[in-house]
N, C-alpha and C. Protein backbone atom coordinates (compact mmCIF):
# COMPACT_ATOMS: atom_id res chain seq x y z
N MET A 1 -40.18 -34.59 13.30
CA MET A 1 -39.45 -33.36 13.57
C MET A 1 -40.14 -32.58 14.72
N TYR A 2 -39.32 -31.94 15.47
CA TYR A 2 -39.85 -31.21 16.66
C TYR A 2 -40.56 -29.89 16.23
N ASN A 3 -41.74 -29.72 16.76
CA ASN A 3 -42.48 -28.45 16.58
C ASN A 3 -42.43 -27.71 17.92
N ALA A 4 -41.79 -26.57 17.86
CA ALA A 4 -41.60 -25.75 19.12
C ALA A 4 -42.95 -25.26 19.69
N THR A 5 -43.07 -25.34 21.01
CA THR A 5 -44.19 -24.80 21.69
C THR A 5 -43.78 -23.49 22.28
N TYR A 6 -44.51 -22.39 22.01
CA TYR A 6 -44.16 -21.09 22.55
C TYR A 6 -45.02 -20.87 23.81
N TRP A 7 -44.36 -20.98 24.97
CA TRP A 7 -45.02 -20.96 26.21
C TRP A 7 -45.43 -19.53 26.56
N LEU A 8 -46.61 -19.37 27.17
CA LEU A 8 -47.09 -18.06 27.67
C LEU A 8 -47.33 -18.14 29.14
N ASP A 9 -46.93 -17.08 29.85
CA ASP A 9 -47.23 -17.02 31.24
C ASP A 9 -48.66 -16.60 31.50
N ARG A 10 -49.23 -17.10 32.55
CA ARG A 10 -50.57 -16.62 32.97
C ARG A 10 -50.39 -15.25 33.66
N VAL A 11 -51.11 -14.26 33.16
CA VAL A 11 -50.97 -12.92 33.72
C VAL A 11 -52.34 -12.55 34.35
N VAL A 12 -52.28 -12.14 35.59
CA VAL A 12 -53.46 -11.74 36.37
C VAL A 12 -53.30 -10.39 36.93
N ASP A 13 -54.29 -9.56 36.87
CA ASP A 13 -54.30 -8.20 37.40
C ASP A 13 -54.30 -8.39 38.94
N GLU A 14 -53.36 -7.75 39.64
CA GLU A 14 -53.24 -7.92 41.09
C GLU A 14 -54.44 -7.32 41.85
N GLU A 15 -54.96 -6.25 41.37
CA GLU A 15 -56.04 -5.56 42.08
C GLU A 15 -57.37 -6.29 41.88
N THR A 16 -57.71 -6.54 40.63
CA THR A 16 -59.03 -7.11 40.29
C THR A 16 -59.03 -8.64 40.20
N GLU A 17 -57.87 -9.18 40.17
CA GLU A 17 -57.62 -10.66 39.98
C GLU A 17 -58.28 -11.15 38.65
N GLU A 18 -58.36 -10.20 37.66
CA GLU A 18 -58.90 -10.57 36.36
C GLU A 18 -57.74 -11.16 35.50
N VAL A 19 -58.03 -12.22 34.81
CA VAL A 19 -57.00 -12.88 34.00
C VAL A 19 -56.81 -12.10 32.73
N ILE A 20 -55.63 -11.56 32.55
CA ILE A 20 -55.35 -10.73 31.43
C ILE A 20 -54.86 -11.58 30.22
N GLN A 21 -54.10 -12.63 30.58
CA GLN A 21 -53.60 -13.56 29.56
C GLN A 21 -53.63 -14.96 30.09
N GLU A 22 -54.23 -15.87 29.38
CA GLU A 22 -54.20 -17.27 29.79
C GLU A 22 -52.79 -17.84 29.46
N GLY A 23 -52.27 -18.61 30.42
CA GLY A 23 -50.96 -19.23 30.18
C GLY A 23 -51.12 -20.50 29.37
N THR A 24 -50.02 -20.98 28.86
CA THR A 24 -49.99 -22.22 28.10
C THR A 24 -50.39 -23.35 29.04
N ASP A 25 -51.24 -24.26 28.50
CA ASP A 25 -51.72 -25.39 29.29
C ASP A 25 -50.52 -26.31 29.57
N GLN A 26 -50.31 -26.68 30.82
CA GLN A 26 -49.26 -27.60 31.20
C GLN A 26 -49.82 -29.00 31.24
N SER A 27 -50.01 -29.52 30.03
CA SER A 27 -50.64 -30.85 29.91
C SER A 27 -49.63 -31.80 29.32
N ALA A 28 -50.01 -33.10 29.28
CA ALA A 28 -49.13 -34.15 28.73
C ALA A 28 -48.82 -33.86 27.24
N GLY A 29 -49.74 -33.34 26.52
CA GLY A 29 -49.51 -33.02 25.09
C GLY A 29 -48.30 -32.08 24.98
N HIS A 30 -48.22 -31.06 25.77
CA HIS A 30 -47.14 -30.12 25.68
C HIS A 30 -45.81 -30.69 26.19
N PHE A 31 -45.90 -31.41 27.32
CA PHE A 31 -44.69 -31.97 27.91
C PHE A 31 -44.15 -33.13 27.04
N ASN A 32 -45.02 -33.93 26.48
CA ASN A 32 -44.58 -35.01 25.58
C ASN A 32 -43.93 -34.42 24.30
N ASN A 33 -44.46 -33.32 23.80
CA ASN A 33 -43.82 -32.68 22.66
C ASN A 33 -42.39 -32.23 23.03
N MET A 34 -42.22 -31.76 24.26
CA MET A 34 -40.87 -31.35 24.69
C MET A 34 -39.93 -32.55 24.75
N GLU A 35 -40.44 -33.64 25.31
CA GLU A 35 -39.62 -34.90 25.38
C GLU A 35 -39.24 -35.40 24.02
N GLU A 36 -40.14 -35.30 23.05
CA GLU A 36 -39.82 -35.74 21.68
C GLU A 36 -38.70 -34.86 21.06
N GLY A 37 -38.76 -33.58 21.38
CA GLY A 37 -37.70 -32.63 20.88
C GLY A 37 -36.39 -32.97 21.50
N ILE A 38 -36.36 -33.29 22.77
CA ILE A 38 -35.10 -33.63 23.44
C ILE A 38 -34.55 -34.93 22.83
N SER A 39 -35.45 -35.89 22.64
CA SER A 39 -35.06 -37.17 22.03
C SER A 39 -34.49 -36.99 20.62
N ASP A 40 -35.15 -36.14 19.84
CA ASP A 40 -34.63 -35.80 18.48
C ASP A 40 -33.27 -35.16 18.52
N ALA A 41 -33.05 -34.29 19.49
CA ALA A 41 -31.72 -33.65 19.58
C ALA A 41 -30.65 -34.64 19.94
N HIS A 42 -30.96 -35.59 20.79
CA HIS A 42 -29.93 -36.65 21.12
C HIS A 42 -29.68 -37.53 19.92
N LEU A 43 -30.70 -37.89 19.17
CA LEU A 43 -30.51 -38.71 17.98
C LEU A 43 -29.68 -37.97 16.97
N ALA A 44 -29.97 -36.67 16.68
CA ALA A 44 -29.18 -35.86 15.77
C ALA A 44 -27.74 -35.79 16.19
N THR A 45 -27.45 -35.63 17.47
CA THR A 45 -26.11 -35.58 18.02
C THR A 45 -25.36 -36.86 17.77
N ALA A 46 -26.07 -38.01 18.03
CA ALA A 46 -25.43 -39.28 17.75
C ALA A 46 -25.11 -39.52 16.33
N ILE A 47 -25.99 -39.07 15.43
CA ILE A 47 -25.73 -39.22 14.03
C ILE A 47 -24.54 -38.37 13.59
N LEU A 48 -24.43 -37.17 14.11
CA LEU A 48 -23.28 -36.27 13.82
C LEU A 48 -21.98 -36.84 14.31
N LEU A 49 -21.97 -37.47 15.53
CA LEU A 49 -20.78 -38.06 16.09
C LEU A 49 -20.31 -39.26 15.20
N ILE A 50 -21.26 -40.04 14.74
CA ILE A 50 -20.89 -41.20 13.91
C ILE A 50 -20.32 -40.69 12.58
N SER A 51 -20.94 -39.68 12.01
CA SER A 51 -20.45 -39.09 10.78
C SER A 51 -19.03 -38.49 10.91
N ALA A 52 -18.82 -37.78 12.03
CA ALA A 52 -17.51 -37.20 12.34
C ALA A 52 -16.48 -38.28 12.48
N SER A 53 -16.82 -39.37 13.14
CA SER A 53 -15.88 -40.48 13.31
C SER A 53 -15.47 -41.09 11.97
N LEU A 54 -16.49 -41.32 11.12
CA LEU A 54 -16.18 -41.86 9.80
C LEU A 54 -15.33 -40.92 8.99
N SER A 55 -15.62 -39.61 9.06
CA SER A 55 -14.83 -38.62 8.36
C SER A 55 -13.41 -38.62 8.86
N ALA A 56 -13.25 -38.71 10.19
CA ALA A 56 -11.88 -38.73 10.76
C ALA A 56 -11.06 -39.89 10.23
N ASP A 57 -11.72 -41.02 10.04
CA ASP A 57 -10.99 -42.21 9.48
C ASP A 57 -10.58 -41.91 8.04
N GLN A 58 -11.44 -41.22 7.29
CA GLN A 58 -11.07 -40.92 5.89
C GLN A 58 -9.91 -39.93 5.76
N VAL A 59 -9.76 -39.07 6.70
CA VAL A 59 -8.68 -38.08 6.60
C VAL A 59 -7.42 -38.42 7.40
N ALA A 60 -7.53 -39.49 8.18
CA ALA A 60 -6.31 -39.90 8.94
C ALA A 60 -5.24 -40.31 7.95
N THR A 61 -4.02 -39.86 8.27
CA THR A 61 -2.89 -40.13 7.39
C THR A 61 -1.94 -41.16 7.97
N GLU A 62 -1.59 -42.11 7.17
CA GLU A 62 -0.49 -43.08 7.54
C GLU A 62 0.73 -42.69 6.80
N GLU A 63 1.84 -42.56 7.47
CA GLU A 63 3.08 -42.17 6.82
C GLU A 63 4.12 -43.31 6.90
N GLN A 64 4.77 -43.54 5.79
CA GLN A 64 5.86 -44.52 5.78
C GLN A 64 7.00 -43.95 4.96
N THR A 65 8.20 -44.29 5.29
CA THR A 65 9.39 -43.87 4.55
C THR A 65 10.06 -45.10 4.02
N ILE A 66 10.25 -45.20 2.75
CA ILE A 66 10.93 -46.38 2.16
C ILE A 66 12.09 -45.92 1.30
N THR A 67 13.06 -46.87 1.14
CA THR A 67 14.21 -46.63 0.24
C THR A 67 14.14 -47.65 -0.88
N LEU A 68 14.05 -47.12 -2.10
CA LEU A 68 14.04 -47.98 -3.32
C LEU A 68 15.39 -48.03 -3.90
N GLY A 69 15.79 -49.15 -4.43
CA GLY A 69 17.04 -49.29 -5.09
C GLY A 69 16.89 -49.79 -6.53
N ASN A 70 17.84 -49.42 -7.39
CA ASN A 70 17.84 -49.77 -8.77
C ASN A 70 19.23 -50.22 -9.13
N SER A 71 19.36 -51.48 -9.56
CA SER A 71 20.68 -52.01 -9.93
C SER A 71 20.81 -52.15 -11.46
N GLU A 72 19.85 -51.74 -12.21
CA GLU A 72 19.87 -51.81 -13.66
C GLU A 72 20.41 -50.49 -14.27
N SER A 73 20.87 -50.56 -15.49
CA SER A 73 21.36 -49.33 -16.22
C SER A 73 20.19 -48.76 -16.99
N PHE A 74 20.14 -47.45 -17.09
CA PHE A 74 19.04 -46.78 -17.83
C PHE A 74 19.05 -47.26 -19.26
N PRO A 75 17.94 -47.52 -19.83
CA PRO A 75 16.59 -47.23 -19.51
C PRO A 75 15.85 -48.31 -18.68
N PHE A 76 16.60 -49.33 -18.25
CA PHE A 76 15.97 -50.37 -17.42
C PHE A 76 15.92 -49.96 -15.97
N ASN A 77 15.01 -50.58 -15.22
CA ASN A 77 14.75 -50.15 -13.86
C ASN A 77 14.13 -51.32 -13.11
N ASN A 78 14.65 -51.63 -11.94
CA ASN A 78 14.09 -52.69 -11.08
C ASN A 78 13.83 -52.18 -9.66
N SER A 79 13.27 -50.95 -9.58
CA SER A 79 13.08 -50.35 -8.24
C SER A 79 11.79 -50.62 -7.63
N VAL A 80 11.00 -51.65 -8.11
CA VAL A 80 9.71 -51.97 -7.55
C VAL A 80 9.84 -52.50 -6.14
N GLU A 81 9.01 -51.98 -5.24
CA GLU A 81 8.99 -52.36 -3.86
C GLU A 81 7.48 -52.50 -3.43
N THR A 82 7.21 -53.57 -2.67
CA THR A 82 5.87 -53.73 -2.11
C THR A 82 5.81 -53.08 -0.78
N VAL A 83 4.77 -52.27 -0.53
CA VAL A 83 4.56 -51.61 0.72
C VAL A 83 3.34 -52.17 1.43
N ALA A 84 3.54 -52.64 2.64
CA ALA A 84 2.41 -53.15 3.44
C ALA A 84 1.86 -51.97 4.29
N LEU A 85 0.53 -51.91 4.30
CA LEU A 85 -0.13 -50.87 5.06
C LEU A 85 -0.23 -51.33 6.54
N ASN A 86 -0.03 -50.37 7.48
CA ASN A 86 -0.14 -50.69 8.86
C ASN A 86 -1.60 -51.01 9.26
N THR A 87 -2.56 -50.26 8.59
CA THR A 87 -3.95 -50.49 8.87
C THR A 87 -4.58 -50.92 7.54
N ALA A 88 -5.16 -52.07 7.45
CA ALA A 88 -5.80 -52.56 6.25
C ALA A 88 -6.99 -51.68 5.89
N ARG A 89 -7.21 -51.42 4.64
CA ARG A 89 -8.26 -50.54 4.18
C ARG A 89 -9.50 -51.38 3.89
N ASN A 90 -10.65 -50.71 3.82
CA ASN A 90 -11.92 -51.37 3.36
C ASN A 90 -12.11 -51.26 1.86
N PHE A 91 -11.49 -50.22 1.27
CA PHE A 91 -11.61 -49.98 -0.17
C PHE A 91 -10.23 -49.69 -0.73
N THR A 92 -10.09 -49.88 -2.00
CA THR A 92 -8.77 -49.57 -2.68
C THR A 92 -8.75 -48.16 -3.29
N ASP A 93 -9.67 -47.32 -2.91
CA ASP A 93 -9.67 -45.95 -3.50
C ASP A 93 -8.85 -44.96 -2.65
N TYR A 94 -7.94 -45.45 -1.78
CA TYR A 94 -7.12 -44.59 -0.99
C TYR A 94 -6.13 -43.82 -1.86
N THR A 95 -5.68 -42.68 -1.39
CA THR A 95 -4.70 -41.89 -2.15
C THR A 95 -3.32 -42.06 -1.49
N VAL A 96 -2.34 -42.05 -2.30
CA VAL A 96 -0.94 -42.16 -1.86
C VAL A 96 -0.17 -40.93 -2.41
N GLU A 97 0.36 -40.16 -1.54
CA GLU A 97 1.22 -39.00 -1.94
C GLU A 97 2.71 -39.44 -1.71
N ALA A 98 3.48 -39.16 -2.67
CA ALA A 98 4.90 -39.54 -2.61
C ALA A 98 5.75 -38.27 -2.61
N GLU A 99 6.71 -38.23 -1.72
CA GLU A 99 7.66 -37.07 -1.61
C GLU A 99 9.08 -37.67 -1.61
N VAL A 100 9.89 -37.28 -2.55
CA VAL A 100 11.27 -37.80 -2.64
C VAL A 100 12.09 -36.99 -1.61
N LEU A 101 12.71 -37.71 -0.66
CA LEU A 101 13.50 -37.12 0.35
C LEU A 101 14.95 -37.01 -0.02
N GLU A 102 15.50 -38.16 -0.51
CA GLU A 102 16.88 -38.24 -0.94
C GLU A 102 16.95 -39.05 -2.21
N HIS A 103 17.94 -38.78 -3.02
CA HIS A 103 18.14 -39.60 -4.22
C HIS A 103 19.58 -39.57 -4.72
N ASP A 104 19.95 -40.59 -5.42
CA ASP A 104 21.27 -40.72 -6.02
C ASP A 104 21.06 -40.83 -7.54
N GLY A 105 20.91 -39.69 -8.20
CA GLY A 105 20.55 -39.68 -9.61
C GLY A 105 19.16 -39.18 -9.89
N ASN A 106 18.73 -39.29 -11.16
CA ASN A 106 17.42 -38.82 -11.58
C ASN A 106 16.34 -39.79 -11.19
N VAL A 107 15.39 -39.37 -10.35
CA VAL A 107 14.33 -40.29 -9.88
C VAL A 107 13.24 -40.45 -10.98
N GLY A 108 12.93 -39.40 -11.72
CA GLY A 108 11.83 -39.51 -12.64
C GLY A 108 10.49 -39.48 -11.93
N ASP A 109 9.50 -40.18 -12.42
CA ASP A 109 8.20 -40.26 -11.85
C ASP A 109 8.12 -41.37 -10.84
N VAL A 110 7.46 -41.05 -9.70
CA VAL A 110 7.17 -42.11 -8.74
C VAL A 110 5.79 -42.72 -9.10
N LYS A 111 5.71 -44.00 -9.23
CA LYS A 111 4.49 -44.68 -9.64
C LYS A 111 3.95 -45.54 -8.50
N ILE A 112 2.67 -45.38 -8.21
CA ILE A 112 1.93 -46.19 -7.25
C ILE A 112 1.01 -47.10 -8.06
N PHE A 113 1.04 -48.39 -7.81
CA PHE A 113 0.20 -49.33 -8.61
C PHE A 113 -0.09 -50.59 -7.82
N SER A 114 -0.92 -51.47 -8.39
CA SER A 114 -1.34 -52.71 -7.77
C SER A 114 -1.87 -52.51 -6.38
N ARG A 115 -2.77 -51.58 -6.22
CA ARG A 115 -3.39 -51.30 -4.89
C ARG A 115 -4.19 -52.44 -4.43
N LEU A 116 -4.00 -52.86 -3.23
CA LEU A 116 -4.81 -53.90 -2.56
C LEU A 116 -5.29 -53.28 -1.22
N LEU A 117 -6.11 -54.03 -0.48
CA LEU A 117 -6.63 -53.52 0.77
C LEU A 117 -5.54 -53.46 1.82
N ASN A 118 -4.48 -54.26 1.70
CA ASN A 118 -3.40 -54.28 2.70
C ASN A 118 -2.08 -53.81 2.18
N GLY A 119 -2.00 -53.24 0.98
CA GLY A 119 -0.71 -52.73 0.49
C GLY A 119 -0.79 -52.37 -0.99
N PHE A 120 0.43 -51.97 -1.52
CA PHE A 120 0.50 -51.55 -2.85
C PHE A 120 1.95 -51.63 -3.31
N LYS A 121 2.26 -51.39 -4.55
CA LYS A 121 3.63 -51.36 -5.06
C LYS A 121 4.02 -49.98 -5.43
N VAL A 122 5.31 -49.64 -5.28
CA VAL A 122 5.87 -48.36 -5.60
C VAL A 122 7.12 -48.60 -6.45
N ALA A 123 7.34 -47.72 -7.40
CA ALA A 123 8.54 -47.76 -8.21
C ALA A 123 8.80 -46.35 -8.76
N TYR A 124 10.02 -46.10 -9.17
CA TYR A 124 10.33 -44.87 -9.88
C TYR A 124 10.86 -45.26 -11.30
N ASP A 125 10.70 -44.35 -12.24
CA ASP A 125 11.14 -44.72 -13.61
C ASP A 125 12.39 -44.02 -14.09
N GLY A 126 13.15 -43.45 -13.18
CA GLY A 126 14.36 -42.72 -13.54
C GLY A 126 15.57 -43.61 -13.45
N SER A 127 16.74 -42.99 -13.54
CA SER A 127 18.00 -43.73 -13.52
C SER A 127 18.68 -43.77 -12.14
N ALA A 128 18.09 -43.20 -11.13
CA ALA A 128 18.70 -43.11 -9.84
C ALA A 128 19.06 -44.50 -9.28
N LYS A 129 20.17 -44.61 -8.61
CA LYS A 129 20.58 -45.90 -8.01
C LYS A 129 19.77 -46.15 -6.70
N THR A 130 19.43 -45.09 -5.97
CA THR A 130 18.58 -45.21 -4.78
C THR A 130 17.73 -43.99 -4.65
N ALA A 131 16.62 -44.11 -4.01
CA ALA A 131 15.71 -42.98 -3.69
C ALA A 131 14.98 -43.30 -2.41
N THR A 132 15.03 -42.35 -1.50
CA THR A 132 14.26 -42.48 -0.28
C THR A 132 13.01 -41.65 -0.41
N ILE A 133 11.86 -42.30 -0.24
CA ILE A 133 10.55 -41.68 -0.53
C ILE A 133 9.68 -41.72 0.72
N LYS A 134 9.05 -40.60 1.04
CA LYS A 134 8.05 -40.58 2.09
C LYS A 134 6.71 -40.76 1.48
N LEU A 135 5.91 -41.66 1.96
CA LEU A 135 4.55 -41.94 1.43
C LEU A 135 3.55 -41.57 2.51
N ARG A 136 2.51 -40.85 2.00
CA ARG A 136 1.38 -40.49 2.85
C ARG A 136 0.11 -41.13 2.28
N ILE A 137 -0.46 -42.02 3.09
CA ILE A 137 -1.66 -42.76 2.64
C ILE A 137 -2.89 -42.24 3.37
N LYS A 138 -3.93 -41.89 2.59
CA LYS A 138 -5.16 -41.36 3.14
C LYS A 138 -6.34 -42.07 2.54
N GLY A 139 -7.41 -42.24 3.34
CA GLY A 139 -8.66 -42.76 2.84
C GLY A 139 -8.76 -44.25 2.74
N GLY A 140 -9.77 -44.70 2.06
CA GLY A 140 -9.98 -46.15 1.90
C GLY A 140 -10.69 -46.80 3.05
N MET A 141 -11.10 -46.05 4.04
CA MET A 141 -11.77 -46.62 5.20
C MET A 141 -13.27 -46.76 5.00
């Protein structure tokens, strides 16, 4: 870690030329300390940029709109649809938010299941004949 050097100016009385204050020695020890501090700052900046890049991947949102159909009569339902992700994930802990845009009947609950790195399945458990759903996928990178 960088230890700051507090530099002092050399102060000399103009009339008597007596040294009132010795200045900080301009030696390799002081200049190398400064170089180490500059190097530490560059390293810290690089680490922050890498961290910000990884965080940006985690909060980047992929959006898809799908239409699910159900040809069965209630209480049966065959609205299961497989959704392929545009960007494959590294982990299956991504979140999927579902927003029902249009529907023909009671949609019920939208269920997200069978998560894989490259996709997942979506279904609703209501009696609607069709439902258009916007999916927002975040994380998993």
